[in-house]
Structures are given as C-alpha cells and as structure tokens.
Amino acid sequence: MKIKAPKDFWAGLMFMSFGLGFLMVALSYRMGTAIRMGPGYFPSVLSGMLAVLGLVVFSGSFVITGSKVPRLYLKPNLFVLGAVSLWAVLLKPLGLVVSISILIFASALGGFDVRLKEVVILTIVLIGGSVGMFVYGLGLPFTLWPGQ
C-alpha cells in the first residue's frame, strides 16, 4: 500500500499511540459502570475515542491524497521553548508585566519575519489581557512589577 497523505499518516499514528498509551494507564484504575463511573471510566472512554479517531485518520492516509509533512524548523521551536522556560524563572522576581514582555520578545526572535511594531502591539494586548484576567478577574496573587 502506498501512503497518499503523509501528514495524515503520521497524525493518525500519533493519535493511536497516545490513545492506546493512555488507555493502558486508564485500565489500571477502577472502571465502575456507566451509572456509577469509577476513576478509570472517563479516561478509558476518551483515550479509546482518540485511538479510534487516529485509526480513521491513519486509514484515510492510504485512500485520500493529501499534503506532505513540512520541513521541521528547530529555531522557532527552541526559541519558544526557551522563552517559556525563561518566563517561568523570571515571573516571581520580575513580576507579570516584565516577564510577559520578555516572553513575547524572546519568542519573536525565533520568527522568520518579525515586525517590531506588531510585537509591541501584541505585548501590550497580552499584558492587558493577562493582568485583567488573572489578577483582577480571577484574583490570582501575581506580583505585577519587580520588587512588589
């Protein structure tokens, strides 16, 4: 059999792997019944559905023509991973506003076409949304600025 849609092939394989992996873990919990669900019931059903979805996507990759898997670019992935790690380290000493600013600018460095104006606007919007939602909306005890 020839793979006609490599992207669907690998996505289906990944879905099936995760679904079956989580199903094996979930089966070690008590299942219960549909009326009195145990702690393993919902994870088992959900992971089973994920595995079935993966099988459908995987099978379709042999029938329907699709796109190829694009080239993997490591630079953006590493910059975003590094920026999120840096944010986690800097959140407590520098506060939410400064750490989010560093997160966004460090993540933008991994991009191929970075426009400073767009990054600044994005920074302002995300800081406003984060402060509004997490500090004022949910009342989470984040420090906003360094030294608070």
C-alpha atoms as a PDB file:
ATOM      1  CA  MET A   1       0.000   0.000   0.000  1.00  0.00           C
ATOM      2  CA  LYS A   2       1.197   3.472  -0.810  1.00  0.00           C
ATOM      3  CA  ILE A   3       0.802   6.377   1.601  1.00  0.00           C
ATOM      4  CA  LYS A   4      -1.054   9.145  -0.241  1.00  0.00           C
ATOM      5  CA  ALA A   5      -1.236  11.610   2.659  1.00  0.00           C
ATOM      6  CA  PRO A   6       1.938  11.512   4.783  1.00  0.00           C
ATOM      7  CA  LYS A   7       0.669  14.208   7.151  1.00  0.00           C
ATOM      8  CA  ASP A   8      -2.456  12.182   7.926  1.00  0.00           C
ATOM      9  CA  PHE A   9      -0.400   9.005   8.241  1.00  0.00           C
ATOM     10  CA  TRP A  10       1.827  10.441  10.972  1.00  0.00           C
ATOM     11  CA  ALA A  11      -1.015  12.303  12.705  1.00  0.00           C
ATOM     12  CA  GLY A  12      -3.124   9.138  12.806  1.00  0.00           C
ATOM     13  CA  LEU A  13      -0.194   7.116  14.108  1.00  0.00           C
ATOM     14  CA  MET A  14       0.416   9.710  16.835  1.00  0.00           C
ATOM     15  CA  PHE A  15      -3.281   9.773  17.844  1.00  0.00           C
ATOM     16  CA  MET A  16      -3.406   5.985  18.018  1.00  0.00           C
ATOM     17  CA  SER A  17      -0.190   5.837  20.064  1.00  0.00           C
ATOM     18  CA  PHE A  18      -1.375   8.420  22.589  1.00  0.00           C
ATOM     19  CA  GLY A  19      -4.861   6.893  22.750  1.00  0.00           C
ATOM     20  CA  LEU A  20      -3.612   3.357  23.321  1.00  0.00           C
ATOM     21  CA  GLY A  21      -0.920   4.516  25.748  1.00  0.00           C
ATOM     22  CA  PHE A  22      -3.386   6.415  27.903  1.00  0.00           C
ATOM     23  CA  LEU A  23      -5.876   3.567  27.624  1.00  0.00           C
ATOM     24  CA  MET A  24      -3.339   1.153  29.098  1.00  0.00           C
ATOM     25  CA  VAL A  25      -2.783   3.510  32.031  1.00  0.00           C
ATOM     26  CA  ALA A  26      -6.512   4.185  32.491  1.00  0.00           C
ATOM     27  CA  LEU A  27      -7.330   0.475  32.587  1.00  0.00           C
ATOM     28  CA  SER A  28      -5.295   0.136  35.776  1.00  0.00           C
ATOM     29  CA  TYR A  29      -7.945   2.261  37.562  1.00  0.00           C
ATOM     30  CA  ARG A  30     -11.309   1.020  38.769  1.00  0.00           C
ATOM     31  CA  MET A  31     -13.836   1.327  35.909  1.00  0.00           C
ATOM     32  CA  GLY A  32     -17.210   1.235  37.591  1.00  0.00           C
ATOM     33  CA  THR A  33     -20.355   1.298  35.444  1.00  0.00           C
ATOM     34  CA  ALA A  34     -21.997   3.892  33.195  1.00  0.00           C
ATOM     35  CA  ILE A  35     -24.266   4.872  36.091  1.00  0.00           C
ATOM     36  CA  ARG A  36     -21.599   4.795  38.823  1.00  0.00           C
ATOM     37  CA  MET A  37     -18.409   5.737  36.996  1.00  0.00           C
ATOM     38  CA  GLY A  38     -15.107   4.942  38.617  1.00  0.00           C
ATOM     39  CA  PRO A  39     -11.912   6.964  38.212  1.00  0.00           C
ATOM     40  CA  GLY A  40     -10.892   4.990  35.107  1.00  0.00           C
ATOM     41  CA  TYR A  41     -14.157   5.231  33.178  1.00  0.00           C
ATOM     42  CA  PHE A  42     -13.877   8.668  31.569  1.00  0.00           C
ATOM     43  CA  PRO A  43     -10.130   8.424  30.718  1.00  0.00           C
ATOM     44  CA  SER A  44     -10.732   4.995  29.177  1.00  0.00           C
ATOM     45  CA  VAL A  45     -13.596   6.217  27.014  1.00  0.00           C
ATOM     46  CA  LEU A  46     -11.747   9.364  25.970  1.00  0.00           C
ATOM     47  CA  SER A  47      -8.489   7.583  25.142  1.00  0.00           C
ATOM     48  CA  GLY A  48     -10.424   4.897  23.257  1.00  0.00           C
ATOM     49  CA  MET A  49     -12.131   7.599  21.192  1.00  0.00           C
ATOM     50  CA  LEU A  50      -8.732   9.186  20.476  1.00  0.00           C
ATOM     51  CA  ALA A  51      -7.356   5.822  19.305  1.00  0.00           C
ATOM     52  CA  VAL A  52     -10.390   5.266  17.038  1.00  0.00           C
ATOM     53  CA  LEU A  53     -10.035   8.778  15.600  1.00  0.00           C
ATOM     54  CA  GLY A  54      -6.364   8.001  14.972  1.00  0.00           C
ATOM     55  CA  LEU A  55      -7.308   4.793  13.180  1.00  0.00           C
ATOM     56  CA  VAL A  56      -9.736   6.693  10.931  1.00  0.00           C
ATOM     57  CA  VAL A  57      -7.151   9.355  10.064  1.00  0.00           C
ATOM     58  CA  PHE A  58      -4.420   6.721   9.627  1.00  0.00           C
ATOM     59  CA  SER A  59      -6.604   4.603   7.317  1.00  0.00           C
ATOM     60  CA  GLY A  60      -7.607   7.631   5.298  1.00  0.00           C
ATOM     61  CA  SER A  61      -3.965   8.392   4.558  1.00  0.00           C
ATOM     62  CA  PHE A  62      -3.890   5.385   2.221  1.00  0.00           C
ATOM     63  CA  VAL A  63      -7.022   6.444   0.321  1.00  0.00           C
ATOM     64  CA  ILE A  64      -7.202  10.251   0.162  1.00  0.00           C
ATOM     65  CA  THR A  65      -4.381  12.276  -1.378  1.00  0.00           C
ATOM     66  CA  GLY A  66      -3.032  14.893   0.986  1.00  0.00           C
ATOM     67  CA  SER A  67      -0.091  17.154   1.613  1.00  0.00           C
ATOM     68  CA  LYS A  68       3.412  16.130   2.575  1.00  0.00           C
ATOM     69  CA  VAL A  69       4.856  16.683   6.022  1.00  0.00           C
ATOM     70  CA  PRO A  70       6.517  20.112   6.014  1.00  0.00           C
ATOM     71  CA  ARG A  71      10.137  20.598   6.968  1.00  0.00           C
ATOM     72  CA  LEU A  72      10.748  20.824  10.699  1.00  0.00           C
ATOM     73  CA  TYR A  73      12.246  24.151  11.729  1.00  0.00           C
ATOM     74  CA  LEU A  74      14.044  23.857  15.059  1.00  0.00           C
ATOM     75  CA  LYS A  75      14.862  27.541  15.592  1.00  0.00           C
ATOM     76  CA  PRO A  76      11.259  28.711  16.282  1.00  0.00           C
ATOM     77  CA  ASN A  77      10.543  25.714  18.494  1.00  0.00           C
ATOM     78  CA  LEU A  78      13.691  26.207  20.548  1.00  0.00           C
ATOM     79  CA  PHE A  79      13.126  29.947  20.936  1.00  0.00           C
ATOM     80  CA  VAL A  80       9.534  29.464  22.114  1.00  0.00           C
ATOM     81  CA  LEU A  81      10.517  26.654  24.491  1.00  0.00           C
ATOM     82  CA  GLY A  82      13.374  28.749  25.846  1.00  0.00           C
ATOM     83  CA  ALA A  83      11.153  31.833  26.183  1.00  0.00           C
ATOM     84  CA  VAL A  84       8.502  29.926  28.142  1.00  0.00           C
ATOM     85  CA  SER A  85      11.179  28.454  30.412  1.00  0.00           C
ATOM     86  CA  LEU A  86      12.659  31.916  30.904  1.00  0.00           C
ATOM     87  CA  TRP A  87       9.187  33.286  31.722  1.00  0.00           C
ATOM     88  CA  ALA A  88       8.714  30.634  34.396  1.00  0.00           C
ATOM     89  CA  VAL A  89      12.032  31.520  36.006  1.00  0.00           C
ATOM     90  CA  LEU A  90      11.535  35.299  35.796  1.00  0.00           C
ATOM     91  CA  LEU A  91       7.867  35.517  36.839  1.00  0.00           C
ATOM     92  CA  LYS A  92       8.451  35.704  40.584  1.00  0.00           C
ATOM     93  CA  PRO A  93      11.430  38.093  40.699  1.00  0.00           C
ATOM     94  CA  LEU A  94      10.391  40.427  37.853  1.00  0.00           C
ATOM     95  CA  GLY A  95       6.597  40.298  38.033  1.00  0.00           C
ATOM     96  CA  LEU A  96       3.933  39.525  35.459  1.00  0.00           C
ATOM     97  CA  VAL A  97       4.316  42.595  33.241  1.00  0.00           C
ATOM     98  CA  VAL A  98       8.086  42.392  32.708  1.00  0.00           C
ATOM     99  CA  SER A  99       8.185  38.597  32.397  1.00  0.00           C
ATOM    100  CA  ILE A 100       5.418  38.562  29.764  1.00  0.00           C
ATOM    101  CA  SER A 101       7.265  41.270  27.831  1.00  0.00           C
ATOM    102  CA  ILE A 102      10.446  39.185  27.859  1.00  0.00           C
ATOM    103  CA  LEU A 103       8.446  36.080  26.866  1.00  0.00           C
ATOM    104  CA  ILE A 104       6.927  37.732  23.820  1.00  0.00           C
ATOM    105  CA  PHE A 105      10.102  39.425  22.598  1.00  0.00           C
ATOM    106  CA  ALA A 106      12.205  36.267  23.112  1.00  0.00           C
ATOM    107  CA  SER A 107       9.606  34.178  21.264  1.00  0.00           C
ATOM    108  CA  ALA A 108       9.517  36.687  18.422  1.00  0.00           C
ATOM    109  CA  LEU A 109      13.272  36.256  17.913  1.00  0.00           C
ATOM    110  CA  GLY A 110      12.563  32.735  16.661  1.00  0.00           C
ATOM    111  CA  GLY A 111      10.365  34.016  13.853  1.00  0.00           C
ATOM    112  CA  PHE A 112      11.406  34.494  10.254  1.00  0.00           C
ATOM    113  CA  ASP A 113       9.585  37.761   9.592  1.00  0.00           C
ATOM    114  CA  VAL A 114       9.465  39.797  12.794  1.00  0.00           C
ATOM    115  CA  ARG A 115       7.991  43.296  12.785  1.00  0.00           C
ATOM    116  CA  LEU A 116       8.774  45.343  15.885  1.00  0.00           C
ATOM    117  CA  LYS A 117       5.511  47.308  15.706  1.00  0.00           C
ATOM    118  CA  GLU A 118       3.442  44.089  15.710  1.00  0.00           C
ATOM    119  CA  VAL A 119       5.439  42.628  18.605  1.00  0.00           C
ATOM    120  CA  VAL A 120       4.941  45.784  20.676  1.00  0.00           C
ATOM    121  CA  ILE A 121       1.183  45.822  19.981  1.00  0.00           C
ATOM    122  CA  LEU A 122       0.945  42.110  20.819  1.00  0.00           C
ATOM    123  CA  THR A 123       2.874  42.694  24.038  1.00  0.00           C
ATOM    124  CA  ILE A 124       0.549  45.493  25.147  1.00  0.00           C
ATOM    125  CA  VAL A 125      -2.592  43.486  24.345  1.00  0.00           C
ATOM    126  CA  LEU A 126      -1.353  40.310  26.064  1.00  0.00           C
ATOM    127  CA  ILE A 127      -0.168  42.154  29.160  1.00  0.00           C
ATOM    128  CA  GLY A 128      -3.516  43.934  29.435  1.00  0.00           C
ATOM    129  CA  GLY A 129      -5.430  40.696  28.921  1.00  0.00           C
ATOM    130  CA  SER A 130      -3.276  38.731  31.360  1.00  0.00           C
ATOM    131  CA  VAL A 131      -3.424  41.336  34.100  1.00  0.00           C
ATOM    132  CA  GLY A 132      -7.162  41.828  33.582  1.00  0.00           C
ATOM    133  CA  MET A 133      -7.975  38.138  33.519  1.00  0.00           C
ATOM    134  CA  PHE A 134      -5.585  36.624  36.053  1.00  0.00           C
ATOM    135  CA  VAL A 135      -5.024  39.410  38.567  1.00  0.00           C
ATOM    136  CA  TYR A 136      -8.339  41.273  38.557  1.00  0.00           C
ATOM    137  CA  GLY A 137     -10.728  38.679  37.103  1.00  0.00           C
ATOM    138  CA  LEU A 138      -9.544  35.549  38.897  1.00  0.00           C
ATOM    139  CA  GLY A 139      -7.799  37.288  41.777  1.00  0.00           C
ATOM    140  CA  LEU A 140      -4.576  35.294  41.432  1.00  0.00           C
ATOM    141  CA  PRO A 141      -1.750  36.614  43.609  1.00  0.00           C
ATOM    142  CA  PHE A 142       0.729  37.571  40.867  1.00  0.00           C
ATOM    143  CA  THR A 143       3.136  40.390  41.507  1.00  0.00           C
ATOM    144  CA  LEU A 144       2.832  42.870  38.660  1.00  0.00           C
ATOM    145  CA  TRP A 145       6.196  44.643  38.870  1.00  0.00           C
ATOM    146  CA  PRO A 146       9.659  43.847  40.244  1.00  0.00           C
ATOM    147  CA  GLY A 147      10.004  44.489  43.963  1.00  0.00           C
ATOM    148  CA  GLN A 148       6.300  44.368  44.815  1.00  0.00           C
END
